[in-house]
Amino acid sequence: MRFWKKASASGLQSQPTPNPNSLKFTAPGRTFIDKGLLSFRSAEEAAAHPLAAALFAIEGVCDVLILPEFVTVTKRPYVPWDALEASVMEVLRTYLADRFRS
């Protein structure tokens, strides 16, 4: 289990949660949605939301929680974070770039 934050060159950060199968992702100074909370437990539920759908397209993702300040991604227990984290960061980076494109 990881006990520290991890940051990328784009400013995205990941940090552990009490659940070892979940990571919390933040992007200081940017938001993922304007308000509220979105929770998706399957690819079918996520199909209409571009960020959630892109995250569920990553094999091993089983739950996505989106709030303005962060996104929590939960993986299947048998999939190591080493196999997923870079892909999740790339999806988030692309989504934020599209969301804040002027």
PDB file of N, CA and C in Angstrom:
ATOM      1  N   MET A   1       0.839  -1.181   0.000  1.00  0.00           N
ATOM      2  CA  MET A   1       0.000   0.000   0.000  1.00  0.00           C
ATOM      3  C   MET A   1       0.885   1.247   0.000  1.00  0.00           C
ATOM      4  N   ARG A   2       0.488   2.223  -0.766  1.00  0.00           N
ATOM      5  CA  ARG A   2       1.250   3.459  -0.877  1.00  0.00           C
ATOM      6  C   ARG A   2       0.755   4.466   0.154  1.00  0.00           C
ATOM      7  N   PHE A   3       1.652   5.224   0.765  1.00  0.00           N
ATOM      8  CA  PHE A   3       1.278   6.178   1.798  1.00  0.00           C
ATOM      9  C   PHE A   3       1.638   7.615   1.426  1.00  0.00           C
ATOM     10  N   TRP A   4       1.921   7.888   0.184  1.00  0.00           N
ATOM     11  CA  TRP A   4       2.364   9.219  -0.192  1.00  0.00           C
ATOM     12  C   TRP A   4       1.657   9.691  -1.450  1.00  0.00           C
ATOM     13  N   LYS A   5       1.715  10.997  -1.646  1.00  0.00           N
ATOM     14  CA  LYS A   5       1.183  11.594  -2.864  1.00  0.00           C
ATOM     15  C   LYS A   5       2.175  11.391  -3.990  1.00  0.00           C
ATOM     16  N   LYS A   6       1.656  11.352  -5.190  1.00  0.00           N
ATOM     17  CA  LYS A   6       2.488  11.239  -6.378  1.00  0.00           C
ATOM     18  C   LYS A   6       2.014  12.316  -7.350  1.00  0.00           C
ATOM     19  N   ALA A   7       2.919  13.116  -7.877  1.00  0.00           N
ATOM     20  CA  ALA A   7       2.548  14.204  -8.778  1.00  0.00           C
ATOM     21  C   ALA A   7       3.131  13.958 -10.162  1.00  0.00           C
ATOM     22  N   SER A   8       2.414  14.459 -11.175  1.00  0.00           N
ATOM     23  CA  SER A   8       2.905  14.346 -12.547  1.00  0.00           C
ATOM     24  C   SER A   8       3.350  15.717 -13.026  1.00  0.00           C
ATOM     25  N   ALA A   9       3.997  15.759 -14.158  1.00  0.00           N
ATOM     26  CA  ALA A   9       4.470  17.020 -14.730  1.00  0.00           C
ATOM     27  C   ALA A   9       3.318  17.972 -15.031  1.00  0.00           C
ATOM     28  N   SER A  10       2.133  17.452 -15.270  1.00  0.00           N
ATOM     29  CA  SER A  10       0.976  18.287 -15.596  1.00  0.00           C
ATOM     30  C   SER A  10       0.305  18.867 -14.355  1.00  0.00           C
ATOM     31  N   GLY A  11       0.793  18.533 -13.171  1.00  0.00           N
ATOM     32  CA  GLY A  11       0.196  19.022 -11.938  1.00  0.00           C
ATOM     33  C   GLY A  11      -0.809  18.079 -11.325  1.00  0.00           C
ATOM     34  N   LEU A  12      -1.195  17.045 -12.051  1.00  0.00           N
ATOM     35  CA  LEU A  12      -2.097  16.049 -11.482  1.00  0.00           C
ATOM     36  C   LEU A  12      -1.401  15.332 -10.330  1.00  0.00           C
ATOM     37  N   GLN A  13      -2.162  15.039  -9.301  1.00  0.00           N
ATOM     38  CA  GLN A  13      -1.615  14.328  -8.157  1.00  0.00           C
ATOM     39  C   GLN A  13      -2.485  13.128  -7.837  1.00  0.00           C
ATOM     40  N   SER A  14      -1.861  12.074  -7.370  1.00  0.00           N
ATOM     41  CA  SER A  14      -2.617  10.922  -6.875  1.00  0.00           C
ATOM     42  C   SER A  14      -2.193  10.678  -5.441  1.00  0.00           C
ATOM     43  N   GLN A  15      -3.140  10.209  -4.667  1.00  0.00           N
ATOM     44  CA  GLN A  15      -2.819   9.878  -3.293  1.00  0.00           C
ATOM     45  C   GLN A  15      -3.680   8.712  -2.853  1.00  0.00           C
ATOM     46  N   PRO A  16      -3.177   7.942  -1.910  1.00  0.00           N
ATOM     47  CA  PRO A  16      -3.926   6.776  -1.438  1.00  0.00           C
ATOM     48  C   PRO A  16      -5.160   7.187  -0.654  1.00  0.00           C
ATOM     49  N   THR A  17      -6.073   6.260  -0.532  1.00  0.00           N
ATOM     50  CA  THR A  17      -7.265   6.408   0.294  1.00  0.00           C
ATOM     51  C   THR A  17      -7.228   5.268   1.314  1.00  0.00           C
ATOM     52  N   PRO A  18      -8.153   5.249   2.245  1.00  0.00           N
ATOM     53  CA  PRO A  18      -8.181   4.103   3.172  1.00  0.00           C
ATOM     54  C   PRO A  18      -8.399   2.762   2.467  1.00  0.00           C
ATOM     55  N   ASN A  19      -9.013   2.797   1.284  1.00  0.00           N
ATOM     56  CA  ASN A  19      -9.218   1.578   0.495  1.00  0.00           C
ATOM     57  C   ASN A  19      -7.989   1.379  -0.405  1.00  0.00           C
ATOM     58  N   PRO A  20      -7.235   0.304  -0.243  1.00  0.00           N
ATOM     59  CA  PRO A  20      -6.040   0.103  -1.065  1.00  0.00           C
ATOM     60  C   PRO A  20      -6.343  -0.070  -2.555  1.00  0.00           C
ATOM     61  N   ASN A  21      -7.603  -0.313  -2.891  1.00  0.00           N
ATOM     62  CA  ASN A  21      -7.980  -0.452  -4.297  1.00  0.00           C
ATOM     63  C   ASN A  21      -8.448   0.862  -4.911  1.00  0.00           C
ATOM     64  N   SER A  22      -8.384   1.946  -4.158  1.00  0.00           N
ATOM     65  CA  SER A  22      -8.817   3.260  -4.651  1.00  0.00           C
ATOM     66  C   SER A  22      -7.689   4.265  -4.539  1.00  0.00           C
ATOM     67  N   LEU A  23      -7.610   5.148  -5.523  1.00  0.00           N
ATOM     68  CA  LEU A  23      -6.710   6.297  -5.467  1.00  0.00           C
ATOM     69  C   LEU A  23      -7.523   7.556  -5.715  1.00  0.00           C
ATOM     70  N   LYS A  24      -7.137   8.623  -5.056  1.00  0.00           N
ATOM     71  CA  LYS A  24      -7.765   9.936  -5.214  1.00  0.00           C
ATOM     72  C   LYS A  24      -6.854  10.775  -6.108  1.00  0.00           C
ATOM     73  N   PHE A  25      -7.435  11.381  -7.134  1.00  0.00           N
ATOM     74  CA  PHE A  25      -6.681  12.198  -8.080  1.00  0.00           C
ATOM     75  C   PHE A  25      -7.155  13.645  -7.994  1.00  0.00           C
ATOM     76  N   THR A  26      -6.212  14.577  -7.892  1.00  0.00           N
ATOM     77  CA  THR A  26      -6.532  15.991  -7.824  1.00  0.00           C
ATOM     78  C   THR A  26      -5.742  16.743  -8.889  1.00  0.00           C
ATOM     79  N   ALA A  27      -6.242  17.923  -9.220  1.00  0.00           N
ATOM     80  CA  ALA A  27      -5.570  18.811 -10.172  1.00  0.00           C
ATOM     81  C   ALA A  27      -5.648  20.222  -9.590  1.00  0.00           C
ATOM     82  N   PRO A  28      -4.719  20.585  -8.721  1.00  0.00           N
ATOM     83  CA  PRO A  28      -4.795  21.873  -8.041  1.00  0.00           C
ATOM     84  C   PRO A  28      -5.069  23.030  -9.013  1.00  0.00           C
ATOM     85  N   GLY A  29      -6.067  23.823  -8.643  1.00  0.00           N
ATOM     86  CA  GLY A  29      -6.435  24.972  -9.460  1.00  0.00           C
ATOM     87  C   GLY A  29      -7.435  24.666 -10.561  1.00  0.00           C
ATOM     88  N   ARG A  30      -7.798  23.410 -10.732  1.00  0.00           N
ATOM     89  CA  ARG A  30      -8.773  23.031 -11.766  1.00  0.00           C
ATOM     90  C   ARG A  30      -9.838  22.122 -11.163  1.00  0.00           C
ATOM     91  N   THR A  31     -10.992  22.079 -11.818  1.00  0.00           N
ATOM     92  CA  THR A  31     -12.086  21.238 -11.341  1.00  0.00           C
ATOM     93  C   THR A  31     -12.483  20.234 -12.420  1.00  0.00           C
ATOM     94  N   PHE A  32     -12.990  19.115 -11.960  1.00  0.00           N
ATOM     95  CA  PHE A  32     -13.410  18.054 -12.879  1.00  0.00           C
ATOM     96  C   PHE A  32     -14.860  18.213 -13.317  1.00  0.00           C
ATOM     97  N   ILE A  33     -15.704  18.751 -12.437  1.00  0.00           N
ATOM     98  CA  ILE A  33     -17.084  19.096 -12.760  1.00  0.00           C
ATOM     99  C   ILE A  33     -17.381  20.412 -12.054  1.00  0.00           C
ATOM    100  N   ASP A  34     -18.451  21.086 -12.450  1.00  0.00           N
ATOM    101  CA  ASP A  34     -18.772  22.387 -11.857  1.00  0.00           C
ATOM    102  C   ASP A  34     -19.304  22.288 -10.436  1.00  0.00           C
ATOM    103  N   LYS A  35     -20.164  21.302 -10.179  1.00  0.00           N
ATOM    104  CA  LYS A  35     -20.732  21.150  -8.835  1.00  0.00           C
ATOM    105  C   LYS A  35     -21.310  19.752  -8.687  1.00  0.00           C
ATOM    106  N   GLY A  36     -21.587  19.408  -7.440  1.00  0.00           N
ATOM    107  CA  GLY A  36     -22.244  18.135  -7.182  1.00  0.00           C
ATOM    108  C   GLY A  36     -21.300  16.966  -7.040  1.00  0.00           C
ATOM    109  N   LEU A  37     -21.858  15.800  -7.279  1.00  0.00           N
ATOM    110  CA  LEU A  37     -21.149  14.536  -7.134  1.00  0.00           C
ATOM    111  C   LEU A  37     -21.712  13.572  -8.165  1.00  0.00           C
ATOM    112  N   LEU A  38     -20.829  12.882  -8.848  1.00  0.00           N
ATOM    113  CA  LEU A  38     -21.228  11.854  -9.812  1.00  0.00           C
ATOM    114  C   LEU A  38     -20.582  10.543  -9.400  1.00  0.00           C
ATOM    115  N   SER A  39     -21.373   9.490  -9.318  1.00  0.00           N
ATOM    116  CA  SER A  39     -20.866   8.183  -8.929  1.00  0.00           C
ATOM    117  C   SER A  39     -21.280   7.158  -9.973  1.00  0.00           C
ATOM    118  N   PHE A  40     -20.297   6.379 -10.422  1.00  0.00           N
ATOM    119  CA  PHE A  40     -20.544   5.376 -11.459  1.00  0.00           C
ATOM    120  C   PHE A  40     -19.980   4.043 -10.988  1.00  0.00           C
ATOM    121  N   ARG A  41     -20.804   2.995 -11.060  1.00  0.00           N
ATOM    122  CA  ARG A  41     -20.375   1.663 -10.630  1.00  0.00           C
ATOM    123  C   ARG A  41     -20.220   0.685 -11.780  1.00  0.00           C
ATOM    124  N   SER A  42     -20.446   1.169 -12.999  1.00  0.00           N
ATOM    125  CA  SER A  42     -20.289   0.287 -14.159  1.00  0.00           C
ATOM    126  C   SER A  42     -20.053   1.132 -15.405  1.00  0.00           C
ATOM    127  N   ALA A  43     -19.530   0.496 -16.426  1.00  0.00           N
ATOM    128  CA  ALA A  43     -19.319   1.183 -17.706  1.00  0.00           C
ATOM    129  C   ALA A  43     -20.643   1.614 -18.315  1.00  0.00           C
ATOM    130  N   GLU A  44     -21.677   0.827 -18.097  1.00  0.00           N
ATOM    131  CA  GLU A  44     -22.994   1.170 -18.637  1.00  0.00           C
ATOM    132  C   GLU A  44     -23.517   2.461 -18.002  1.00  0.00           C
ATOM    133  N   GLU A  45     -23.382   2.590 -16.690  1.00  0.00           N
ATOM    134  CA  GLU A  45     -23.806   3.814 -16.004  1.00  0.00           C
ATOM    135  C   GLU A  45     -22.991   5.012 -16.474  1.00  0.00           C
ATOM    136  N   ALA A  46     -21.730   4.790 -16.788  1.00  0.00           N
ATOM    137  CA  ALA A  46     -20.806   5.867 -17.138  1.00  0.00           C
ATOM    138  C   ALA A  46     -20.860   6.274 -18.599  1.00  0.00           C
ATOM    139  N   ALA A  47     -21.566   5.542 -19.422  1.00  0.00           N
ATOM    140  CA  ALA A  47     -21.514   5.733 -20.874  1.00  0.00           C
ATOM    141  C   ALA A  47     -21.807   7.155 -21.330  1.00  0.00           C
ATOM    142  N   ALA A  48     -22.676   7.868 -20.635  1.00  0.00           N
ATOM    143  CA  ALA A  48     -23.067   9.213 -21.075  1.00  0.00           C
ATOM    144  C   ALA A  48     -22.136  10.319 -20.573  1.00  0.00           C
ATOM    145  N   HIS A  49     -21.206  10.000 -19.691  1.00  0.00           N
ATOM    146  CA  HIS A  49     -20.295  11.021 -19.167  1.00  0.00           C
ATOM    147  C   HIS A  49     -18.900  10.782 -19.746  1.00  0.00           C
ATOM    148  N   PRO A  50     -18.334  11.758 -20.446  1.00  0.00           N
ATOM    149  CA  PRO A  50     -17.061  11.518 -21.150  1.00  0.00           C
ATOM    150  C   PRO A  50     -15.901  11.102 -20.241  1.00  0.00           C
ATOM    151  N   LEU A  51     -15.749  11.720 -19.083  1.00  0.00           N
ATOM    152  CA  LEU A  51     -14.643  11.350 -18.201  1.00  0.00           C
ATOM    153  C   LEU A  51     -14.849   9.955 -17.626  1.00  0.00           C
ATOM    154  N   ALA A  52     -16.022   9.707 -17.094  1.00  0.00           N
ATOM    155  CA  ALA A  52     -16.285   8.391 -16.495  1.00  0.00           C
ATOM    156  C   ALA A  52     -16.171   7.284 -17.534  1.00  0.00           C
ATOM    157  N   ALA A  53     -16.705   7.517 -18.727  1.00  0.00           N
ATOM    158  CA  ALA A  53     -16.631   6.500 -19.783  1.00  0.00           C
ATOM    159  C   ALA A  53     -15.178   6.201 -20.143  1.00  0.00           C
ATOM    160  N   ALA A  54     -14.360   7.237 -20.237  1.00  0.00           N
ATOM    161  CA  ALA A  54     -12.939   7.041 -20.578  1.00  0.00           C
ATOM    162  C   ALA A  54     -12.215   6.281 -19.471  1.00  0.00           C
ATOM    163  N   LEU A  55     -12.558   6.550 -18.228  1.00  0.00           N
ATOM    164  CA  LEU A  55     -11.921   5.819 -17.126  1.00  0.00           C
ATOM    165  C   LEU A  55     -12.343   4.353 -17.115  1.00  0.00           C
ATOM    166  N   PHE A  56     -13.614   4.085 -17.371  1.00  0.00           N
ATOM    167  CA  PHE A  56     -14.067   2.684 -17.412  1.00  0.00           C
ATOM    168  C   PHE A  56     -13.500   1.935 -18.612  1.00  0.00           C
ATOM    169  N   ALA A  57     -13.034   2.637 -19.612  1.00  0.00           N
ATOM    170  CA  ALA A  57     -12.402   1.973 -20.758  1.00  0.00           C
ATOM    171  C   ALA A  57     -11.042   1.379 -20.386  1.00  0.00           C
ATOM    172  N   ILE A  58     -10.511   1.772 -19.248  1.00  0.00           N
ATOM    173  CA  ILE A  58      -9.249   1.220 -18.753  1.00  0.00           C
ATOM    174  C   ILE A  58      -9.569  -0.094 -18.050  1.00  0.00           C
ATOM    175  N   GLU A  59      -8.998  -1.161 -18.538  1.00  0.00           N
ATOM    176  CA  GLU A  59      -9.287  -2.474 -17.960  1.00  0.00           C
ATOM    177  C   GLU A  59      -8.867  -2.534 -16.500  1.00  0.00           C
ATOM    178  N   GLY A  60      -9.789  -2.958 -15.650  1.00  0.00           N
ATOM    179  CA  GLY A  60      -9.526  -3.079 -14.225  1.00  0.00           C
ATOM    180  C   GLY A  60     -10.249  -2.039 -13.393  1.00  0.00           C
ATOM    181  N   VAL A  61     -10.735  -0.952 -14.005  1.00  0.00           N
ATOM    182  CA  VAL A  61     -11.480   0.071 -13.267  1.00  0.00           C
ATOM    183  C   VAL A  61     -12.879  -0.470 -12.985  1.00  0.00           C
ATOM    184  N   CYS A  62     -13.338  -0.324 -11.731  1.00  0.00           N
ATOM    185  CA  CYS A  62     -14.660  -0.853 -11.387  1.00  0.00           C
ATOM    186  C   CYS A  62     -15.566   0.166 -10.713  1.00  0.00           C
ATOM    187  N   ASP A  63     -15.059   1.350 -10.396  1.00  0.00           N
ATOM    188  CA  ASP A  63     -15.883   2.361  -9.751  1.00  0.00           C
ATOM    189  C   ASP A  63     -15.219   3.722  -9.942  1.00  0.00           C
ATOM    190  N   VAL A  64     -16.035   4.750 -10.202  1.00  0.00           N
ATOM    191  CA  VAL A  64     -15.523   6.108 -10.398  1.00  0.00           C
ATOM    192  C   VAL A  64     -16.419   7.071  -9.631  1.00  0.00           C
ATOM    193  N   LEU A  65     -15.798   7.936  -8.846  1.00  0.00           N
ATOM    194  CA  LEU A  65     -16.491   8.982  -8.108  1.00  0.00           C
ATOM    195  C   LEU A  65     -15.889  10.316  -8.539  1.00  0.00           C
ATOM    196  N   ILE A  66     -16.733  11.242  -9.017  1.00  0.00           N
ATOM    197  CA  ILE A  66     -16.248  12.530  -9.506  1.00  0.00           C
ATOM    198  C   ILE A  66     -16.881  13.644  -8.691  1.00  0.00           C
ATOM    199  N   LEU A  67     -16.068  14.479  -8.112  1.00  0.00           N
ATOM    200  CA  LEU A  67     -16.482  15.692  -7.425  1.00  0.00           C
ATOM    201  C   LEU A  67     -15.728  16.852  -8.076  1.00  0.00           C
ATOM    202  N   PRO A  68     -16.114  18.084  -7.800  1.00  0.00           N
ATOM    203  CA  PRO A  68     -15.387  19.188  -8.432  1.00  0.00           C
ATOM    204  C   PRO A  68     -13.881  19.137  -8.173  1.00  0.00           C
ATOM    205  N   GLU A  69     -13.468  18.871  -6.940  1.00  0.00           N
ATOM    206  CA  GLU A  69     -12.059  18.958  -6.561  1.00  0.00           C
ATOM    207  C   GLU A  69     -11.234  17.699  -6.788  1.00  0.00           C
ATOM    208  N   PHE A  70     -11.888  16.556  -6.955  1.00  0.00           N
ATOM    209  CA  PHE A  70     -11.119  15.323  -7.120  1.00  0.00           C
ATOM    210  C   PHE A  70     -11.935  14.230  -7.797  1.00  0.00           C
ATOM    211  N   VAL A  71     -11.205  13.211  -8.240  1.00  0.00           N
ATOM    212  CA  VAL A  71     -11.792  11.997  -8.800  1.00  0.00           C
ATOM    213  C   VAL A  71     -11.190  10.827  -8.034  1.00  0.00           C
ATOM    214  N   THR A  72     -12.040   9.921  -7.584  1.00  0.00           N
ATOM    215  CA  THR A  72     -11.556   8.694  -6.963  1.00  0.00           C
ATOM    216  C   THR A  72     -11.852   7.544  -7.913  1.00  0.00           C
ATOM    217  N   VAL A  73     -10.813   6.776  -8.200  1.00  0.00           N
ATOM    218  CA  VAL A  73     -10.932   5.621  -9.085  1.00  0.00           C
ATOM    219  C   VAL A  73     -10.658   4.373  -8.250  1.00  0.00           C
ATOM    220  N   THR A  74     -11.552   3.404  -8.366  1.00  0.00           N
ATOM    221  CA  THR A  74     -11.378   2.130  -7.680  1.00  0.00           C
ATOM    222  C   THR A  74     -11.138   1.047  -8.720  1.00  0.00           C
ATOM    223  N   LYS A  75     -10.152   0.209  -8.431  1.00  0.00           N
ATOM    224  CA  LYS A  75      -9.764  -0.862  -9.350  1.00  0.00           C
ATOM    225  C   LYS A  75     -10.182  -2.209  -8.785  1.00  0.00           C
ATOM    226  N   ARG A  76     -10.171  -3.192  -9.638  1.00  0.00           N
ATOM    227  CA  ARG A  76     -10.410  -4.563  -9.192  1.00  0.00           C
ATOM    228  C   ARG A  76      -9.189  -5.008  -8.379  1.00  0.00           C
ATOM    229  N   PRO A  77      -9.395  -5.788  -7.318  1.00  0.00           N
ATOM    230  CA  PRO A  77      -8.299  -6.145  -6.413  1.00  0.00           C
ATOM    231  C   PRO A  77      -7.121  -6.865  -7.072  1.00  0.00           C
ATOM    232  N   TYR A  78      -7.365  -7.616  -8.110  1.00  0.00           N
ATOM    233  CA  TYR A  78      -6.286  -8.399  -8.730  1.00  0.00           C
ATOM    234  C   TYR A  78      -5.440  -7.588  -9.718  1.00  0.00           C
ATOM    235  N   VAL A  79      -5.807  -6.341  -9.986  1.00  0.00           N
ATOM    236  CA  VAL A  79      -5.062  -5.499 -10.922  1.00  0.00           C
ATOM    237  C   VAL A  79      -4.159  -4.565 -10.130  1.00  0.00           C
ATOM    238  N   PRO A  80      -2.839  -4.580 -10.379  1.00  0.00           N
ATOM    239  CA  PRO A  80      -1.946  -3.700  -9.624  1.00  0.00           C
ATOM    240  C   PRO A  80      -2.052  -2.246 -10.102  1.00  0.00           C
ATOM    241  N   TRP A  81      -1.859  -1.310  -9.169  1.00  0.00           N
ATOM    242  CA  TRP A  81      -1.899   0.104  -9.548  1.00  0.00           C
ATOM    243  C   TRP A  81      -0.842   0.436 -10.594  1.00  0.00           C
ATOM    244  N   ASP A  82       0.279  -0.259 -10.570  1.00  0.00           N
ATOM    245  CA  ASP A  82       1.326  -0.002 -11.569  1.00  0.00           C
ATOM    246  C   ASP A  82       0.799  -0.167 -12.987  1.00  0.00           C
ATOM    247  N   ALA A  83      -0.187  -1.027 -13.161  1.00  0.00           N
ATOM    248  CA  ALA A  83      -0.753  -1.267 -14.491  1.00  0.00           C
ATOM    249  C   ALA A  83      -1.811  -0.232 -14.867  1.00  0.00           C
ATOM    250  N   LEU A  84      -2.318   0.540 -13.907  1.00  0.00           N
ATOM    251  CA  LEU A  84      -3.433   1.448 -14.171  1.00  0.00           C
ATOM    252  C   LEU A  84      -3.128   2.926 -14.008  1.00  0.00           C
ATOM    253  N   GLU A  85      -2.306   3.274 -13.061  1.00  0.00           N
ATOM    254  CA  GLU A  85      -2.176   4.675 -12.654  1.00  0.00           C
ATOM    255  C   GLU A  85      -1.781   5.601 -13.799  1.00  0.00           C
ATOM    256  N   ALA A  86      -0.834   5.228 -14.611  1.00  0.00           N
ATOM    257  CA  ALA A  86      -0.422   6.087 -15.725  1.00  0.00           C
ATOM    258  C   ALA A  86      -1.564   6.289 -16.716  1.00  0.00           C
ATOM    259  N   SER A  87      -2.347   5.254 -16.967  1.00  0.00           N
ATOM    260  CA  SER A  87      -3.488   5.376 -17.879  1.00  0.00           C
ATOM    261  C   SER A  87      -4.553   6.295 -17.306  1.00  0.00           C
ATOM    262  N   VAL A  88      -4.832   6.183 -16.016  1.00  0.00           N
ATOM    263  CA  VAL A  88      -5.804   7.067 -15.371  1.00  0.00           C
ATOM    264  C   VAL A  88      -5.323   8.511 -15.461  1.00  0.00           C
ATOM    265  N   MET A  89      -4.058   8.742 -15.173  1.00  0.00           N
ATOM    266  CA  MET A  89      -3.499  10.106 -15.245  1.00  0.00           C
ATOM    267  C   MET A  89      -3.628  10.670 -16.659  1.00  0.00           C
ATOM    268  N   GLU A  90      -3.389   9.860 -17.659  1.00  0.00           N
ATOM    269  CA  GLU A  90      -3.494  10.326 -19.044  1.00  0.00           C
ATOM    270  C   GLU A  90      -4.938  10.690 -19.391  1.00  0.00           C
ATOM    271  N   VAL A  91      -5.891   9.877 -18.976  1.00  0.00           N
ATOM    272  CA  VAL A  91      -7.309  10.185 -19.210  1.00  0.00           C
ATOM    273  C   VAL A  91      -7.675  11.505 -18.528  1.00  0.00           C
ATOM    274  N   LEU A  92      -7.255  11.682 -17.285  1.00  0.00           N
ATOM    275  CA  LEU A  92      -7.558  12.913 -16.562  1.00  0.00           C
ATOM    276  C   LEU A  92      -6.895  14.122 -17.211  1.00  0.00           C
ATOM    277  N   ARG A  93      -5.658  13.977 -17.625  1.00  0.00           N
ATOM    278  CA  ARG A  93      -4.913  15.059 -18.293  1.00  0.00           C
ATOM    279  C   ARG A  93      -5.639  15.484 -19.568  1.00  0.00           C
ATOM    280  N   THR A  94      -6.043  14.527 -20.377  1.00  0.00           N
ATOM    281  CA  THR A  94      -6.746  14.814 -21.628  1.00  0.00           C
ATOM    282  C   THR A  94      -8.090  15.483 -21.356  1.00  0.00           C
ATOM    283  N   TYR A  95      -8.832  14.961 -20.397  1.00  0.00           N
ATOM    284  CA  TYR A  95     -10.144  15.520 -20.045  1.00  0.00           C
ATOM    285  C   TYR A  95     -10.003  16.974 -19.595  1.00  0.00           C
ATOM    286  N   LEU A  96      -9.056  17.239 -18.715  1.00  0.00           N
ATOM    287  CA  LEU A  96      -8.877  18.614 -18.222  1.00  0.00           C
ATOM    288  C   LEU A  96      -8.412  19.547 -19.333  1.00  0.00           C
ATOM    289  N   ALA A  97      -7.545  19.072 -20.211  1.00  0.00           N
ATOM    290  CA  ALA A  97      -7.104  19.904 -21.331  1.00  0.00           C
ATOM    291  C   ALA A  97      -8.281  20.279 -22.218  1.00  0.00           C
ATOM    292  N   ASP A  98      -9.161  19.323 -22.484  1.00  0.00           N
ATOM    293  CA  ASP A  98     -10.353  19.596 -23.305  1.00  0.00           C
ATOM    294  C   ASP A  98     -11.326  20.518 -22.566  1.00  0.00           C
ATOM    295  N   ARG A  99     -11.489  20.299 -21.280  1.00  0.00           N
ATOM    296  CA  ARG A  99     -12.435  21.085 -20.474  1.00  0.00           C
ATOM    297  C   ARG A  99     -12.013  22.543 -20.370  1.00  0.00           C
ATOM    298  N   PHE A 100     -10.726  22.810 -20.307  1.00  0.00           N
ATOM    299  CA  PHE A 100     -10.252  24.172 -20.112  1.00  0.00           C
ATOM    300  C   PHE A 100      -9.616  24.774 -21.344  1.00  0.00           C
ATOM    301  N   ARG A 101      -9.855  24.156 -22.477  1.00  0.00           N
ATOM    302  CA  ARG A 101      -9.329  24.680 -23.742  1.00  0.00           C
ATOM    303  C   ARG A 101     -10.042  25.998 -24.048  1.00  0.00           C
ATOM    304  N   SER A 102      -9.284  26.995 -24.387  1.00  0.00           N
ATOM    305  CA  SER A 102      -9.876  28.323 -24.681  1.00  0.00           C
ATOM    306  C   SER A 102     -10.123  28.503 -26.152  1.00  0.00           C
TER     307      SER A 102
END
